[in-house]
Amino acid sequence: MAIGPRRPLFYLSVLTGGFVLGGFLSALLRRFLPPGPAKEFFTWTVTPSVGPVHLDLLVLSVTLGPIGLDVSLLGLVGVLLAYLLARSLF
């Protein structure tokens, strides 16, 4: 049981670890599952993106982007597993 509030770094590390774990699971299933509805369902991703963003400051001009994030069902499962693991450890 936690004493006091969690730090934002804790939540950021859980999210990062979960998305990495979910991406690994998604890549693994994409490689080893035979073509079919199960493969399509588990490896389907949504990619929201932002950009390009252009900033012009007379002396310096910077362009960032596009920046995207692949979110899949297994990515969300990875976040859930990472959260449960972190909650049980801390």
Protein backbone atom coordinates (compact mmCIF):
# COMPACT_ATOMS: atom_id res chain seq x y z
CA MET A 1 0.00 0.00 0.00
CA ALA A 2 1.42 3.38 -1.00
CA ILE A 3 2.03 6.09 1.56
CA GLY A 4 1.42 9.51 0.00
CA PRO A 5 0.92 10.52 -3.62
CA ARG A 6 2.90 9.03 -6.48
CA ARG A 7 5.42 11.15 -8.33
CA PRO A 8 4.81 12.13 -11.99
CA LEU A 9 8.08 10.43 -12.95
CA PHE A 10 6.66 7.15 -11.66
CA TYR A 11 3.65 7.40 -13.97
CA LEU A 12 5.78 8.48 -16.91
CA SER A 13 8.12 5.53 -16.44
CA VAL A 14 5.18 3.11 -16.15
CA LEU A 15 3.66 4.49 -19.36
CA THR A 16 6.97 4.34 -21.20
CA GLY A 17 7.73 0.82 -20.03
CA GLY A 18 4.21 -0.29 -20.88
CA PHE A 19 4.31 1.09 -24.41
CA VAL A 20 7.72 -0.52 -24.99
CA LEU A 21 6.42 -3.86 -23.68
CA GLY A 22 3.26 -3.55 -25.78
CA GLY A 23 5.27 -2.64 -28.88
CA PHE A 24 7.44 -5.70 -28.33
CA LEU A 25 4.37 -7.92 -27.97
CA SER A 26 2.81 -6.41 -31.08
CA ALA A 27 5.98 -6.93 -33.14
CA LEU A 28 6.26 -10.49 -31.86
CA LEU A 29 2.68 -11.35 -32.82
CA ARG A 30 3.01 -9.54 -36.15
CA ARG A 31 5.94 -11.80 -36.97
CA PHE A 32 4.67 -15.17 -35.71
CA LEU A 33 0.87 -15.16 -36.11
CA PRO A 34 -0.46 -16.57 -39.39
CA PRO A 35 -2.49 -14.18 -41.57
CA GLY A 36 -6.09 -13.98 -40.42
CA PRO A 37 -8.56 -12.09 -38.26
CA ALA A 38 -6.63 -12.65 -35.00
CA LYS A 39 -3.49 -11.10 -36.48
CA GLU A 40 -5.45 -8.16 -37.87
CA PHE A 41 -7.19 -7.58 -34.52
CA PHE A 42 -4.14 -7.77 -32.26
CA THR A 43 -1.75 -5.85 -34.53
CA TRP A 44 -4.13 -3.06 -35.63
CA THR A 45 -2.67 0.34 -34.74
CA VAL A 46 -3.84 3.94 -34.63
CA THR A 47 -1.19 6.57 -35.37
CA PRO A 48 -2.07 10.11 -34.27
CA SER A 49 0.52 12.59 -35.49
CA VAL A 50 1.36 16.25 -35.06
CA GLY A 51 3.42 18.30 -37.41
CA PRO A 52 5.35 19.61 -38.98
CA VAL A 53 5.63 22.58 -36.64
CA HIS A 54 7.63 25.52 -38.00
CA LEU A 55 9.12 28.20 -35.74
CA ASP A 56 10.79 31.21 -37.38
CA LEU A 57 12.72 33.54 -35.04
CA LEU A 58 14.45 35.95 -37.46
CA VAL A 59 17.87 34.61 -36.39
CA LEU A 60 16.93 30.93 -36.07
CA SER A 61 14.43 28.82 -37.96
CA VAL A 62 13.37 25.43 -36.60
CA THR A 63 11.03 22.80 -38.07
CA LEU A 64 9.92 19.84 -35.95
CA GLY A 65 7.87 16.91 -37.07
CA PRO A 66 5.91 15.11 -37.99
CA ILE A 67 5.79 13.36 -34.62
CA GLY A 68 3.60 10.27 -34.33
CA LEU A 69 2.73 7.66 -31.75
CA ASP A 70 1.63 4.13 -32.67
CA VAL A 71 -1.03 2.91 -30.26
CA SER A 72 -2.29 -0.66 -30.50
CA LEU A 73 -4.39 -2.99 -28.38
CA LEU A 74 -1.25 -4.76 -27.22
CA GLY A 75 0.30 -1.39 -26.34
CA LEU A 76 -2.59 -0.77 -23.97
CA VAL A 77 -2.22 -4.31 -22.58
CA GLY A 78 1.48 -3.58 -22.04
CA VAL A 79 0.65 -0.40 -20.12
CA LEU A 80 -1.81 -2.33 -17.95
CA LEU A 81 0.76 -5.05 -17.24
CA ALA A 82 3.46 -2.48 -16.43
CA TYR A 83 1.08 -0.64 -14.08
CA LEU A 84 0.11 -3.84 -12.25
CA LEU A 85 3.75 -4.86 -11.95
CA ALA A 86 4.81 -1.43 -10.68
CA ARG A 87 1.91 -1.31 -8.23
CA SER A 88 2.83 -4.68 -6.80
CA LEU A 89 6.52 -3.73 -6.46
CA PHE A 90 6.06 -0.24 -4.99
